[in-house]
Amino acid sequence: MPPPRNEMLTWEEVDGLISHLIPQFDEDYEAMVMITRGGIIPGGLLAEAMGITHLLTAAVDFPAQVEKEVAKLAAWPQFIQFPEDHLLRGRRILVVDDVWGSGRTITSVKIRVSAAGGFPHTCVLHFNPHRNLFGSARPDYYAAITDAHIVYPWEIDRGIDRVILNEM
């Protein structure tokens, strides 16, 4: 199997994806849960455009404690950070991440928001149906379908050799 191709996006392309998402929303959302780290920037852009001020974050990890790839995919999520139930209960929640690859992270967050009494809908910039582990499940909202590994502008290496230091 060939390695996945990389696709590097510009800020202008991200802006176009956000503009493509905005008209898709068929209801108002009372809060947003942004999945760290990938969902922070798209979530912030969407929150600003949609006027959502109740912003929350969720951090999820899938421990890789076993050797076999299949067993790794079956690992239970570890929630490093998650909003308290009372912040979600009874609210329409937009759950935002950058990409739905396997779908494990965003689905875990969606299930936990539902368990807290919230009404979650998922939103990503990119949906990769080729990696999806959830059959016909897909994000409620997505801007593009891809089979590539997406490199967003905020993920570009910003090491010391790429930063111009301003002397005062």
Protein backbone atom coordinates (compact mmCIF):
# COMPACT_ATOMS: atom_id res chain seq x y z
CA MET A 1 0.00 0.00 0.00
CA PRO A 2 1.52 3.36 -0.98
CA PRO A 3 1.96 5.97 1.75
CA PRO A 4 -0.78 8.61 1.88
CA ARG A 5 -0.10 11.75 -0.07
CA ASN A 6 0.32 14.98 1.85
CA GLU A 7 -1.69 18.06 1.00
CA MET A 8 -0.55 21.36 2.47
CA LEU A 9 -3.23 24.02 2.85
CA THR A 10 -2.86 27.78 2.92
CA TRP A 11 -4.76 30.13 5.21
CA GLU A 12 -6.80 31.22 2.19
CA GLU A 13 -7.85 27.61 1.56
CA VAL A 14 -8.85 27.21 5.22
CA ASP A 15 -10.89 30.41 4.93
CA GLY A 16 -12.62 28.91 1.88
CA LEU A 17 -13.44 25.74 3.85
CA ILE A 18 -14.93 27.81 6.68
CA SER A 19 -16.99 29.77 4.13
CA HIS A 20 -18.22 26.47 2.68
CA LEU A 21 -19.30 25.24 6.13
CA ILE A 22 -21.23 28.31 7.32
CA PRO A 23 -24.29 27.91 5.02
CA GLN A 24 -24.59 24.22 5.96
CA PHE A 25 -25.66 24.85 9.56
CA ASP A 26 -29.38 24.26 9.82
CA GLU A 27 -29.78 25.28 13.45
CA ASP A 28 -28.28 27.61 16.03
CA TYR A 29 -25.78 26.21 18.50
CA GLU A 30 -25.63 27.30 22.12
CA ALA A 31 -22.09 26.09 22.71
CA MET A 32 -19.08 24.61 20.98
CA VAL A 33 -16.71 21.88 22.12
CA MET A 34 -13.39 22.18 20.30
CA ILE A 35 -11.23 19.07 20.31
CA THR A 36 -7.62 19.81 21.12
CA ARG A 37 -5.43 20.48 19.32
CA GLY A 38 -6.80 20.18 15.79
CA GLY A 39 -10.21 21.72 16.49
CA ILE A 40 -9.02 24.86 18.26
CA ILE A 41 -8.35 27.04 15.20
CA PRO A 42 -11.28 25.87 13.02
CA GLY A 43 -13.51 26.13 16.09
CA GLY A 44 -12.36 29.67 16.81
CA LEU A 45 -12.96 30.71 13.20
CA LEU A 46 -16.42 29.15 13.21
CA ALA A 47 -17.31 30.58 16.63
CA GLU A 48 -16.42 34.08 15.44
CA ALA A 49 -18.42 33.70 12.21
CA MET A 50 -21.44 32.15 13.97
CA GLY A 51 -21.43 34.34 17.08
CA ILE A 52 -20.97 31.39 19.47
CA THR A 53 -19.49 32.65 22.74
CA HIS A 54 -19.82 29.55 24.95
CA LEU A 55 -16.58 27.78 23.96
CA LEU A 56 -15.32 24.61 25.63
CA THR A 57 -12.47 22.19 24.95
CA ALA A 58 -12.03 18.43 25.10
CA ALA A 59 -8.71 16.60 25.04
CA VAL A 60 -8.79 12.88 24.19
CA ASP A 61 -6.04 10.30 24.03
CA PHE A 62 -6.11 6.71 22.85
CA PRO A 63 -3.32 4.93 24.74
CA ALA A 64 -1.17 2.68 22.58
CA GLN A 65 -0.36 0.00 25.13
CA VAL A 66 -0.42 -3.00 22.83
CA GLU A 67 1.54 -4.10 19.79
CA LYS A 68 -1.15 -5.18 17.34
CA GLU A 69 -2.71 -2.43 15.22
CA VAL A 70 -6.22 -3.89 15.61
CA ALA A 71 -5.92 -3.84 19.39
CA LYS A 72 -4.70 -0.23 19.27
CA LEU A 73 -7.85 0.78 17.40
CA ALA A 74 -9.98 -0.90 20.06
CA ALA A 75 -8.41 1.10 22.94
CA TRP A 76 -10.79 3.02 25.18
CA PRO A 77 -10.45 6.80 25.02
CA GLN A 78 -8.82 8.60 27.90
CA PHE A 79 -10.36 12.03 28.45
CA ILE A 80 -7.56 14.29 29.61
CA GLN A 81 -9.86 17.31 29.71
CA PHE A 82 -13.63 17.50 29.28
CA PRO A 83 -16.34 20.05 30.17
CA GLU A 84 -18.45 19.34 33.23
CA ASP A 85 -21.87 17.85 32.51
CA HIS A 86 -23.82 20.92 33.67
CA LEU A 87 -22.11 23.00 30.94
CA LEU A 88 -23.49 20.64 28.26
CA ARG A 89 -26.85 19.48 29.61
CA GLY A 90 -29.82 20.59 27.52
CA ARG A 91 -27.72 22.55 25.02
CA ARG A 92 -27.23 22.20 21.28
CA ILE A 93 -23.48 21.61 21.01
CA LEU A 94 -21.29 21.87 17.93
CA VAL A 95 -18.32 19.49 18.31
CA VAL A 96 -15.43 20.70 16.11
CA ASP A 97 -12.21 19.05 14.97
CA ASP A 98 -9.99 19.56 11.94
CA VAL A 99 -10.40 16.12 10.34
CA TRP A 100 -12.49 12.97 10.68
CA GLY A 101 -10.00 10.22 9.86
CA SER A 102 -10.84 7.08 11.78
CA GLY A 103 -13.60 9.00 13.56
CA ARG A 104 -12.62 7.66 16.99
CA THR A 105 -11.85 10.98 18.68
CA ILE A 106 -14.85 13.02 17.53
CA THR A 107 -17.24 10.09 18.01
CA SER A 108 -15.96 9.61 21.58
CA VAL A 109 -16.56 13.28 22.32
CA LYS A 110 -20.02 13.19 20.71
CA ILE A 111 -21.02 10.17 22.82
CA ARG A 112 -19.78 11.81 26.01
CA VAL A 113 -21.64 15.06 25.23
CA SER A 114 -24.82 13.00 24.68
CA ALA A 115 -24.25 11.13 27.94
CA ALA A 116 -24.04 14.52 29.72
CA GLY A 117 -27.46 15.46 28.32
CA GLY A 118 -26.25 17.66 25.47
CA PHE A 119 -27.37 17.52 21.85
CA PRO A 120 -24.15 17.23 19.81
CA HIS A 121 -23.53 17.67 16.11
CA THR A 122 -20.10 17.05 14.61
CA CYS A 123 -18.20 19.38 12.30
CA VAL A 124 -14.81 18.98 10.59
CA LEU A 125 -12.93 20.66 7.80
CA HIS A 126 -12.04 17.33 6.14
CA PHE A 127 -13.75 13.93 6.10
CA ASN A 128 -11.72 10.88 5.04
CA PRO A 129 -14.24 8.10 4.31
CA HIS A 130 -11.40 5.70 3.45
CA ARG A 131 -10.14 5.67 7.06
CA ASN A 132 -13.55 5.85 8.77
CA LEU A 133 -14.03 3.05 11.33
CA PHE A 134 -17.75 3.72 11.81
CA GLY A 135 -19.32 2.30 8.66
CA SER A 136 -21.76 4.73 7.14
CA ALA A 137 -21.41 7.24 10.00
CA ARG A 138 -20.02 10.57 8.94
CA PRO A 139 -19.72 14.09 10.32
CA ASP A 140 -22.92 16.13 10.43
CA TYR A 141 -21.03 18.94 8.70
CA TYR A 142 -17.82 18.85 6.67
CA ALA A 143 -16.24 21.15 4.12
CA ALA A 144 -14.38 18.61 1.97
CA ILE A 145 -13.82 14.90 1.41
CA THR A 146 -10.22 13.73 1.09
CA ASP A 147 -8.00 10.67 1.00
CA ALA A 148 -4.86 12.73 1.71
CA HIS A 149 -3.01 13.52 4.92
CA ILE A 150 -3.85 17.20 5.35
CA VAL A 151 -1.23 19.59 6.72
CA TYR A 152 -2.95 22.74 7.96
CA PRO A 153 -1.12 26.08 8.02
CA TRP A 154 -1.01 26.07 11.83
CA GLU A 155 0.85 22.72 11.75
CA ILE A 156 3.77 23.94 9.67
CA ASP A 157 7.12 23.66 11.46
CA ARG A 158 7.90 26.93 13.16
CA GLY A 159 11.30 26.03 14.58
CA ILE A 160 13.80 28.68 15.63
CA ASP A 161 15.42 28.54 12.20
CA ARG A 162 12.16 29.68 10.58
CA VAL A 163 11.39 32.57 12.90
CA ILE A 164 12.82 36.00 12.36
CA LEU A 165 13.86 37.38 15.70
CA ASN A 166 13.18 41.06 16.20
CA GLU A 167 15.72 42.81 18.34
CA MET A 168 14.55 45.68 20.44
